[in-house]
Amino acid sequence: MDSSDDWGRLREQDYAGDDLLKFCDPQRKAKLSQHLVCALVYDREIAALVEGVPADTRVSEKLRSHFHLLSTNALYRKAYYSSASVADWAAIERFFYSGLTRPAETYLLQD
């Protein structure tokens, strides 16, 4: 899809509730790239926290797992969004590293 009219209609429909489609919007490419890098770099860690998702999946599924973890895990969401304009890579790294040093119940804290 490259028609601005099509994207306008999708925006009006809130992208049919699809987070991945929302970030494919040409106006959100910078945000998509941040989510994509995070989903790919931390795919195994994310898969370990999202039940029923194997680590070796398609890129779209890795992104969906990343979005799912953002919506269900307060600690991950706080780490990812701790910077106003870009993903806070240091905070994300600390979040995943903390899983090695904290009890599992703290690391897996969900909303």
Protein backbone atom coordinates (compact mmCIF):
# COMPACT_ATOMS: atom_id res chain seq x y z
CA MET A 1 0.00 0.00 0.00
CA ASP A 2 1.43 3.31 -1.00
CA SER A 3 -1.64 5.45 -1.56
CA SER A 4 -2.02 8.29 0.89
CA ASP A 5 -5.81 7.89 0.53
CA ASP A 6 -5.57 4.25 1.63
CA TRP A 7 -3.45 5.16 4.64
CA GLY A 8 -5.88 7.96 5.48
CA ARG A 9 -8.78 5.50 5.53
CA LEU A 10 -6.77 3.07 7.66
CA ARG A 11 -5.95 5.86 10.13
CA GLU A 12 -9.65 6.72 10.38
CA GLN A 13 -10.38 3.06 11.18
CA ASP A 14 -7.55 2.95 13.75
CA TYR A 15 -5.79 0.38 11.54
CA ALA A 16 -8.47 -2.19 12.42
CA GLY A 17 -6.82 -2.55 15.83
CA ASP A 18 -3.64 -4.00 14.31
CA ASP A 19 -0.50 -2.60 15.99
CA LEU A 20 1.77 -3.93 13.29
CA LEU A 21 -0.27 -2.30 10.52
CA LYS A 22 -0.31 0.95 12.48
CA PHE A 23 3.49 1.06 12.59
CA CYS A 24 3.74 0.27 8.85
CA ASP A 25 2.13 3.64 8.16
CA PRO A 26 4.68 5.79 6.27
CA GLN A 27 4.26 8.50 8.93
CA ARG A 28 5.49 6.05 11.60
CA LYS A 29 8.49 4.44 9.91
CA ALA A 30 10.97 5.75 12.49
CA LYS A 31 8.96 4.16 15.31
CA LEU A 32 8.58 0.92 13.35
CA SER A 33 12.34 0.70 12.91
CA GLN A 34 12.88 1.00 16.68
CA HIS A 35 10.31 -1.70 17.41
CA LEU A 36 11.74 -3.90 14.68
CA VAL A 37 15.31 -3.64 15.97
CA CYS A 38 14.18 -4.42 19.51
CA ALA A 39 12.03 -7.36 18.40
CA LEU A 40 14.90 -8.87 16.41
CA VAL A 41 17.74 -8.20 18.86
CA TYR A 42 15.79 -9.54 21.84
CA ASP A 43 13.69 -12.17 20.05
CA ARG A 44 14.80 -15.06 22.27
CA GLU A 45 14.31 -13.10 25.48
CA ILE A 46 10.88 -11.92 24.36
CA ALA A 47 9.89 -15.44 23.30
CA ALA A 48 10.87 -16.70 26.75
CA LEU A 49 8.43 -14.25 28.33
CA VAL A 50 5.54 -14.66 25.89
CA GLU A 51 3.96 -18.06 26.40
CA GLY A 52 3.53 -20.32 23.42
CA VAL A 53 5.82 -18.39 21.07
CA PRO A 54 8.89 -20.18 19.72
CA ALA A 55 12.03 -18.05 19.38
CA ASP A 56 12.42 -18.87 15.68
CA THR A 57 9.38 -17.29 14.02
CA ARG A 58 8.69 -14.86 11.21
CA VAL A 59 9.63 -11.23 11.65
CA SER A 60 5.97 -10.22 11.83
CA GLU A 61 5.41 -12.69 14.68
CA LYS A 62 8.49 -11.41 16.50
CA LEU A 63 7.06 -7.90 16.25
CA ARG A 64 3.67 -9.08 17.50
CA SER A 65 5.35 -10.81 20.45
CA HIS A 66 7.25 -7.60 21.21
CA PHE A 67 3.99 -5.58 21.07
CA HIS A 68 2.26 -8.19 23.25
CA LEU A 69 5.02 -7.99 25.86
CA LEU A 70 4.83 -4.19 25.80
CA SER A 71 1.10 -4.34 26.47
CA THR A 72 1.25 -6.98 29.22
CA ASN A 73 4.52 -6.45 31.10
CA ALA A 74 4.80 -3.20 33.05
CA LEU A 75 8.55 -3.51 33.60
CA TYR A 76 9.26 -4.06 29.91
CA ARG A 77 6.97 -1.19 28.91
CA LYS A 78 8.69 1.12 31.41
CA ALA A 79 12.13 0.15 30.09
CA TYR A 80 11.14 0.54 26.44
CA TYR A 81 9.35 3.87 26.82
CA SER A 82 11.62 5.46 29.43
CA SER A 83 12.92 7.88 26.79
CA ALA A 84 10.44 10.25 25.18
CA SER A 85 11.67 10.15 21.58
CA VAL A 86 13.47 6.85 21.03
CA ALA A 87 13.64 3.44 22.60
CA ASP A 88 15.91 3.50 25.66
CA TRP A 89 18.31 0.72 24.65
CA ALA A 90 20.22 0.81 27.95
CA ALA A 91 17.00 0.40 29.95
CA ILE A 92 15.86 -2.45 27.70
CA GLU A 93 19.19 -4.20 28.15
CA ARG A 94 18.92 -3.77 31.95
CA PHE A 95 15.39 -5.22 31.84
CA PHE A 96 16.54 -8.40 30.11
CA TYR A 97 19.75 -8.64 32.17
CA SER A 98 17.70 -8.36 35.36
CA GLY A 99 16.06 -11.64 34.44
CA LEU A 100 19.37 -13.34 35.14
CA THR A 101 19.77 -11.78 38.57
CA ARG A 102 16.24 -11.34 39.96
CA PRO A 103 13.72 -13.94 41.04
CA ALA A 104 11.49 -15.05 38.18
CA GLU A 105 8.31 -13.67 39.75
CA THR A 106 9.74 -10.14 39.67
CA TYR A 107 11.02 -10.46 36.11
CA LEU A 108 7.73 -11.86 34.83
CA LEU A 109 5.61 -9.19 36.54
CA GLN A 110 2.66 -8.45 34.33
CA ASP A 111 -0.23 -6.01 34.40
